[in-house]
Amino acid sequence: MTKFIDGNKIDGLPVICALDVKELDAGEHKFWFRAATDALAQWQHLPVWVFKGKEAGKHIVVTAGVHGDEYNGVLAAQAIARGLRGKALNGSITIVPTINLSGMLHHSRDFFSSDPDVSCGNLNRHFPGNANGNEPQRYLHSIWHNLLKSNAELAIDLHTQTSGTVYPLYVFADFRVADAVNMARLMNPDAILDDPGEAGVLETVWNQNGIPSITVEAGVGRYTDSEMVARTVAGAFNIFTHYGLIEGEVEAVRPAIESSQVTSLRAEQGGFVLPQVSLMQTVEKDQLLAVQYDSFGVEEHQYLAPCDGVVLSHNVESIRAAGSLVVRLIHPENSIKH
């Protein structure tokens, strides 16, 4: 049941603490979802936009901002909502564009807690949360159980690569889940990774609850990539069209690299790293990928390809701490066959 906070509105919009799209009237609904209090006893509210058709159909949830520095996903979610305004549809599409409020306010990937016993950390390792856990776990418990879980039959989680590094349009999908694979291909990305899932990740938790899900990575953290945003929006609408939520022609699926294996090269030491390759470039074993310099500008290290592959990611911020990502390769020879 959708639970309204009686007499409570923010900027003229109703405040809810639980959502049930099945009982909403057809039309467009904007809410503030009351998630949890911060350390000053102030409620934290997530914007939620629901588009519901008059006819039965699939229920899809689109989330973004689980990592607070990944703005292209947020921009894509907002653009999807704008694109749905005034459209006739079947079923429902629920859009939650800013999951990690504290991370976004700090321009950080992490969730920030005021609890001195809780380290700031990756919110996308704590789903579905814990009602009796620490601050981020309680925060997610409310979001998962009262906002997300009961409102989806399919789910799309929008991300970008972490700050300082870049991805093409890249999708994680568990190839054991047919609808996840289908959605991944309908996004028309550059690459798809067969992703069996990791504990605490939203995509994994969706799949574990019988709700096929994909994670979409679009470009670079913090900085706007309008082309990647547009491609993400087009892919999402392709999914909506294929599953009958909106009318239109489904865009043909274009070939993408589909693989079950990636290789990550990480900085051997701190310093300044200049990539010698570009995204989606095919490289051969022992090819030069990046050069690292010390603080004087003296060359300290060369990073060579350990095997053949295609460049899936590389650093765009030159300064690299020891252990941080320099280059990530994906391996088409391990591709999954259609």
Protein backbone atom coordinates (compact mmCIF):
# COMPACT_ATOMS: atom_id res chain seq x y z
CA MET A 1 0.00 0.00 0.00
CA THR A 2 1.23 3.50 -0.80
CA LYS A 3 1.58 5.30 2.53
CA PHE A 4 1.31 9.07 2.52
CA ILE A 5 2.62 11.18 5.38
CA ASP A 6 -0.58 13.01 6.28
CA GLY A 7 -0.38 16.77 5.87
CA ASN A 8 3.25 16.62 4.74
CA LYS A 9 4.34 18.13 1.43
CA ILE A 10 7.68 19.35 0.09
CA ASP A 11 7.57 21.94 -2.69
CA GLY A 12 3.89 21.07 -3.09
CA LEU A 13 4.56 17.36 -3.64
CA PRO A 14 3.23 14.63 -1.37
CA VAL A 15 5.61 12.76 0.93
CA ILE A 16 5.35 8.98 1.11
CA CYS A 17 7.05 6.31 3.22
CA ALA A 18 5.93 3.35 1.05
CA LEU A 19 4.98 2.96 -2.60
CA ASP A 20 2.67 0.48 -4.32
CA VAL A 21 2.34 1.34 -8.01
CA LYS A 22 -0.37 -1.25 -8.55
CA GLU A 23 -2.88 0.79 -6.55
CA LEU A 24 -2.04 4.16 -8.09
CA ASP A 25 -4.35 5.74 -10.63
CA ALA A 26 -3.18 5.92 -14.22
CA GLY A 27 -1.12 9.02 -14.94
CA GLU A 28 2.06 10.73 -13.78
CA HIS A 29 2.89 10.92 -10.09
CA LYS A 30 5.73 12.79 -8.38
CA PHE A 31 6.55 12.03 -4.75
CA TRP A 32 9.20 12.59 -2.14
CA PHE A 33 10.05 9.25 -0.54
CA ARG A 34 10.96 9.50 3.17
CA ALA A 35 13.92 7.13 3.56
CA ALA A 36 15.60 7.67 6.94
CA THR A 37 16.80 10.37 9.31
CA ASP A 38 20.29 11.82 9.34
CA ALA A 39 22.25 12.52 12.53
CA LEU A 40 20.41 15.84 12.98
CA ALA A 41 17.06 14.03 13.00
CA GLN A 42 16.25 15.47 9.58
CA TRP A 43 14.41 13.18 7.18
CA GLN A 44 16.18 12.35 3.94
CA HIS A 45 13.86 12.39 0.94
CA LEU A 46 14.35 10.78 -2.49
CA PRO A 47 12.56 12.13 -5.57
CA VAL A 48 10.36 9.47 -7.17
CA TRP A 49 8.53 9.76 -10.47
CA VAL A 50 5.93 7.15 -11.45
CA PHE A 51 4.41 6.84 -14.92
CA LYS A 52 1.44 4.47 -14.96
CA GLY A 53 -0.62 3.41 -17.94
CA LYS A 54 -4.33 2.69 -18.12
CA GLU A 55 -3.69 -0.81 -19.42
CA ALA A 56 -1.88 -3.70 -17.76
CA GLY A 57 1.77 -4.25 -18.62
CA LYS A 58 5.24 -4.75 -17.20
CA HIS A 59 6.37 -2.82 -14.15
CA ILE A 60 9.90 -1.43 -14.56
CA VAL A 61 12.03 0.42 -12.01
CA VAL A 62 14.92 2.64 -13.11
CA THR A 63 17.42 3.70 -10.45
CA ALA A 64 20.50 5.93 -10.55
CA GLY A 65 22.90 7.66 -8.19
CA VAL A 66 23.70 4.60 -6.06
CA HIS A 67 27.24 5.93 -6.35
CA GLY A 68 27.22 9.62 -5.59
CA ASP A 69 29.79 10.73 -8.18
CA GLU A 70 28.15 9.02 -11.17
CA TYR A 71 26.12 11.82 -12.65
CA ASN A 72 25.63 10.55 -16.20
CA GLY A 73 23.35 7.85 -14.80
CA VAL A 74 21.38 10.49 -12.90
CA LEU A 75 21.12 12.70 -15.98
CA ALA A 76 19.95 9.73 -18.04
CA ALA A 77 17.29 8.81 -15.46
CA GLN A 78 16.01 12.39 -15.43
CA ALA A 79 15.99 12.51 -19.25
CA ILE A 80 14.05 9.23 -19.37
CA ALA A 81 11.43 10.80 -17.09
CA ARG A 82 11.17 13.89 -19.29
CA GLY A 83 10.82 11.67 -22.35
CA LEU A 84 7.92 9.76 -20.78
CA ARG A 85 5.86 12.85 -20.00
CA GLY A 86 2.62 12.80 -21.94
CA LYS A 87 3.27 9.37 -23.47
CA ALA A 88 0.64 6.67 -23.43
CA LEU A 89 1.98 3.51 -21.83
CA ASN A 90 1.03 0.15 -20.43
CA GLY A 91 2.14 -1.03 -17.02
CA SER A 92 4.34 1.35 -15.06
CA ILE A 93 7.79 2.90 -14.99
CA THR A 94 9.13 4.12 -11.66
CA ILE A 95 12.22 6.35 -11.71
CA VAL A 96 14.40 6.98 -8.64
CA PRO A 97 17.31 9.12 -9.90
CA THR A 98 19.29 9.92 -6.72
CA ILE A 99 19.66 6.96 -4.37
CA ASN A 100 22.85 8.01 -2.55
CA LEU A 101 22.00 11.48 -1.24
CA SER A 102 24.98 11.89 1.10
CA GLY A 103 27.44 10.73 -1.55
CA MET A 104 26.05 13.13 -4.12
CA LEU A 105 26.29 16.05 -1.72
CA HIS A 106 29.98 15.19 -1.17
CA HIS A 107 30.70 14.57 -4.89
CA SER A 108 31.77 11.12 -3.77
CA ARG A 109 31.12 7.54 -4.82
CA ASP A 110 30.65 6.58 -1.16
CA PHE A 111 27.84 6.90 1.35
CA PHE A 112 28.81 9.31 4.15
CA SER A 113 27.77 8.44 7.68
CA SER A 114 27.95 10.62 10.79
CA ASP A 115 28.48 7.51 12.90
CA PRO A 116 32.18 7.50 13.91
CA ASP A 117 32.10 3.70 13.97
CA VAL A 118 30.98 3.49 10.33
CA SER A 119 33.55 4.11 7.60
CA CYS A 120 32.31 5.87 4.49
CA GLY A 121 31.81 3.09 2.00
CA ASN A 122 30.35 1.65 -1.16
CA LEU A 123 26.56 1.73 -0.79
CA ASN A 124 26.32 -0.80 -3.61
CA ARG A 125 27.63 -3.56 -1.38
CA HIS A 126 24.93 -3.24 1.29
CA PHE A 127 21.65 -4.07 -0.49
CA PRO A 128 19.03 -5.08 0.58
CA GLY A 129 20.00 -3.38 3.83
CA ASN A 130 19.29 -4.30 7.42
CA ALA A 131 16.60 -2.78 9.64
CA ASN A 132 18.83 -3.32 12.70
CA GLY A 133 22.19 -2.58 11.06
CA ASN A 134 24.36 0.52 10.77
CA GLU A 135 23.29 3.79 9.16
CA PRO A 136 23.77 2.86 5.46
CA GLN A 137 22.19 -0.55 6.00
CA ARG A 138 19.10 0.97 7.65
CA TYR A 139 18.91 3.61 4.92
CA LEU A 140 18.91 0.93 2.21
CA HIS A 141 16.49 -1.32 4.08
CA SER A 142 13.83 1.36 3.88
CA ILE A 143 14.52 2.07 0.20
CA TRP A 144 14.58 -1.59 -0.84
CA HIS A 145 11.57 -2.83 1.13
CA ASN A 146 9.31 0.22 0.93
CA LEU A 147 10.15 1.70 -2.47
CA LEU A 148 11.88 -0.68 -4.86
CA LYS A 149 11.19 -4.36 -4.30
CA SER A 150 7.43 -4.59 -4.78
CA ASN A 151 7.22 -2.25 -7.77
CA ALA A 152 9.35 -4.01 -10.39
CA GLU A 153 9.19 -6.96 -12.73
CA LEU A 154 12.28 -5.68 -14.54
CA ALA A 155 14.96 -3.29 -13.26
CA ILE A 156 17.64 -1.02 -14.74
CA ASP A 157 20.35 0.50 -12.53
CA LEU A 158 22.28 3.38 -14.13
CA HIS A 159 25.92 4.09 -13.28
CA THR A 160 29.15 5.47 -14.74
CA GLN A 161 32.74 4.46 -14.22
CA THR A 162 34.33 5.65 -10.97
CA SER A 163 35.79 9.18 -10.88
CA GLY A 164 39.16 9.34 -12.60
CA THR A 165 38.42 6.55 -15.07
CA VAL A 166 36.13 6.10 -18.07
CA TYR A 167 33.92 3.41 -19.62
CA PRO A 168 32.16 3.18 -22.97
CA LEU A 169 28.48 2.24 -22.84
CA TYR A 170 28.92 -0.99 -20.92
CA VAL A 171 26.38 -3.35 -19.35
CA PHE A 172 26.61 -5.97 -16.62
CA ALA A 173 24.09 -8.81 -17.05
CA ASP A 174 23.78 -12.26 -15.51
CA PHE A 175 23.62 -14.54 -18.55
CA ARG A 176 21.69 -17.13 -16.53
CA VAL A 177 18.75 -14.69 -16.55
CA ALA A 178 17.18 -14.52 -20.02
CA ASP A 179 15.47 -11.14 -19.60
CA ALA A 180 18.67 -9.62 -18.21
CA VAL A 181 20.56 -10.68 -21.34
CA ASN A 182 17.72 -9.41 -23.52
CA MET A 183 17.69 -6.00 -21.82
CA ALA A 184 21.48 -5.75 -22.03
CA ARG A 185 21.42 -6.28 -25.79
CA LEU A 186 18.48 -3.90 -26.27
CA MET A 187 20.60 -1.15 -24.66
CA ASN A 188 22.86 -1.36 -27.75
CA PRO A 189 26.04 -0.95 -25.69
CA ASP A 190 29.64 -1.30 -26.77
CA ALA A 191 30.28 -4.22 -24.43
CA ILE A 192 28.38 -6.62 -22.17
CA LEU A 193 29.93 -8.60 -19.32
CA ASP A 194 28.42 -11.87 -18.17
CA ASP A 195 28.10 -10.94 -14.50
CA PRO A 196 27.09 -13.68 -12.04
CA GLY A 197 26.73 -11.00 -9.35
CA GLU A 198 28.43 -9.87 -6.19
CA ALA A 199 26.93 -9.83 -2.70
CA GLY A 200 25.18 -6.61 -1.76
CA VAL A 201 24.99 -5.19 -5.29
CA LEU A 202 21.56 -3.88 -6.29
CA GLU A 203 21.59 -5.80 -9.59
CA THR A 204 22.40 -9.03 -7.75
CA VAL A 205 19.66 -8.49 -5.17
CA TRP A 206 17.07 -7.78 -7.87
CA ASN A 207 18.02 -11.02 -9.64
CA GLN A 208 17.97 -13.00 -6.39
CA ASN A 209 14.39 -11.83 -5.87
CA GLY A 210 13.28 -13.03 -9.29
CA ILE A 211 13.39 -9.58 -10.91
CA PRO A 212 15.69 -9.53 -13.98
CA SER A 213 18.09 -6.61 -13.76
CA ILE A 214 21.01 -4.97 -15.55
CA THR A 215 23.64 -2.46 -14.49
CA VAL A 216 24.43 0.15 -17.15
CA GLU A 217 27.75 2.04 -17.09
CA ALA A 218 27.82 5.26 -19.13
CA GLY A 219 31.08 7.16 -19.50
CA VAL A 220 33.10 8.88 -16.80
CA GLY A 221 32.33 9.77 -13.19
CA ARG A 222 31.54 13.38 -12.22
CA TYR A 223 31.81 14.85 -15.71
CA THR A 224 28.95 15.15 -18.19
CA ASP A 225 29.06 13.04 -21.33
CA SER A 226 26.00 14.05 -23.35
CA GLU A 227 26.53 11.36 -25.98
CA MET A 228 26.60 8.63 -23.35
CA VAL A 229 23.51 10.04 -21.66
CA ALA A 230 21.66 10.10 -24.99
CA ARG A 231 22.67 6.52 -25.81
CA THR A 232 21.55 5.36 -22.35
CA VAL A 233 18.17 7.04 -22.77
CA ALA A 234 17.74 5.53 -26.24
CA GLY A 235 18.59 2.08 -24.87
CA ALA A 236 16.10 2.41 -22.03
CA PHE A 237 13.33 3.41 -24.44
CA ASN A 238 14.27 0.46 -26.64
CA ILE A 239 13.66 -1.79 -23.64
CA PHE A 240 10.34 -0.09 -22.87
CA THR A 241 9.24 -0.54 -26.48
CA HIS A 242 10.30 -4.17 -26.71
CA TYR A 243 8.38 -5.09 -23.56
CA GLY A 244 5.25 -3.30 -24.74
CA LEU A 245 5.20 -0.42 -22.27
CA ILE A 246 5.24 2.18 -25.05
CA GLU A 247 4.42 2.04 -28.75
CA GLY A 248 7.03 2.35 -31.45
CA GLU A 249 9.63 0.50 -33.47
CA VAL A 250 12.26 -1.44 -31.57
CA GLU A 251 15.71 -0.33 -32.69
CA ALA A 252 17.69 -3.21 -34.13
CA VAL A 253 20.23 -4.76 -31.77
CA ARG A 254 23.76 -3.98 -32.93
CA PRO A 255 26.69 -6.32 -32.29
CA ALA A 256 28.54 -5.69 -29.03
CA ILE A 257 31.45 -7.43 -27.38
CA GLU A 258 30.01 -10.07 -25.06
CA SER A 259 32.49 -11.62 -22.70
CA SER A 260 32.85 -13.33 -19.37
CA GLN A 261 36.37 -12.10 -18.65
CA VAL A 262 38.10 -8.79 -17.99
CA THR A 263 41.69 -8.04 -16.93
CA SER A 264 42.51 -5.01 -14.77
CA LEU A 265 45.97 -3.44 -14.64
CA ARG A 266 46.55 -1.36 -11.52
CA ALA A 267 49.23 1.16 -10.66
CA GLU A 268 52.40 -0.45 -9.35
CA GLN A 269 53.17 2.73 -7.39
CA GLY A 270 51.87 6.24 -7.03
CA GLY A 271 52.59 8.73 -9.79
CA PHE A 272 51.26 10.29 -12.96
CA VAL A 273 49.93 7.93 -15.63
CA LEU A 274 49.38 8.79 -19.29
CA PRO A 275 47.32 6.25 -21.28
CA GLN A 276 48.71 5.25 -24.65
CA VAL A 277 45.43 3.69 -25.86
CA SER A 278 41.80 4.71 -26.32
CA LEU A 279 38.46 3.16 -25.39
CA MET A 280 37.44 0.09 -27.40
CA GLN A 281 40.86 -0.10 -29.06
CA THR A 282 42.00 -3.63 -29.88
CA VAL A 283 45.40 -4.39 -28.37
CA GLU A 284 47.83 -7.27 -28.58
CA LYS A 285 49.89 -8.96 -25.91
CA ASP A 286 52.89 -6.84 -24.81
CA GLN A 287 51.51 -3.69 -26.46
CA LEU A 288 52.20 -0.48 -24.51
CA LEU A 289 49.06 0.63 -22.67
CA ALA A 290 50.26 3.41 -20.35
CA VAL A 291 53.38 5.17 -19.08
CA GLN A 292 53.87 6.30 -15.48
CA TYR A 293 56.03 9.21 -14.26
CA ASP A 294 57.19 10.26 -10.81
CA SER A 295 56.78 13.75 -9.33
CA PHE A 296 59.85 14.98 -11.22
CA GLY A 297 58.39 13.79 -14.51
CA VAL A 298 60.86 10.92 -14.83
CA GLU A 299 59.48 7.74 -16.38
CA GLU A 300 59.07 5.07 -13.73
CA HIS A 301 56.96 2.34 -15.24
CA GLN A 302 55.44 1.08 -18.47
CA TYR A 303 52.23 -0.96 -18.47
CA LEU A 304 52.06 -3.62 -21.17
CA ALA A 305 49.10 -5.72 -22.20
CA PRO A 306 49.38 -9.13 -20.50
CA CYS A 307 47.26 -10.66 -23.28
CA ASP A 308 45.19 -9.68 -26.31
CA GLY A 309 42.02 -7.72 -25.61
CA VAL A 310 39.96 -4.60 -26.14
CA VAL A 311 40.35 -1.49 -23.96
CA LEU A 312 37.26 -1.30 -21.77
CA SER A 313 38.47 1.41 -19.38
CA HIS A 314 41.47 3.62 -18.67
CA ASN A 315 42.33 6.46 -16.33
CA VAL A 316 41.40 10.03 -17.31
CA GLU A 317 42.86 11.63 -14.18
CA SER A 318 46.63 11.42 -14.50
CA ILE A 319 47.47 11.13 -10.79
CA ARG A 320 47.17 7.52 -9.67
CA ALA A 321 47.66 6.03 -6.23
CA ALA A 322 49.30 2.64 -5.93
CA GLY A 323 46.70 -0.01 -6.73
CA SER A 324 44.30 2.28 -8.59
CA LEU A 325 43.03 1.35 -12.04
CA VAL A 326 45.19 2.15 -15.04
CA VAL A 327 43.64 0.05 -17.83
CA ARG A 328 40.94 -2.61 -17.99
CA LEU A 329 40.71 -5.02 -20.92
CA ILE A 330 37.78 -7.14 -22.03
CA HIS A 331 38.45 -10.33 -23.96
CA PRO A 332 36.25 -11.01 -27.00
CA GLU A 333 37.73 -14.49 -27.42
CA ASN A 334 35.69 -15.41 -24.33
CA SER A 335 32.51 -14.01 -25.84
CA ILE A 336 29.19 -15.67 -25.20
CA LYS A 337 27.60 -16.85 -28.43
CA HIS A 338 24.05 -15.74 -29.32
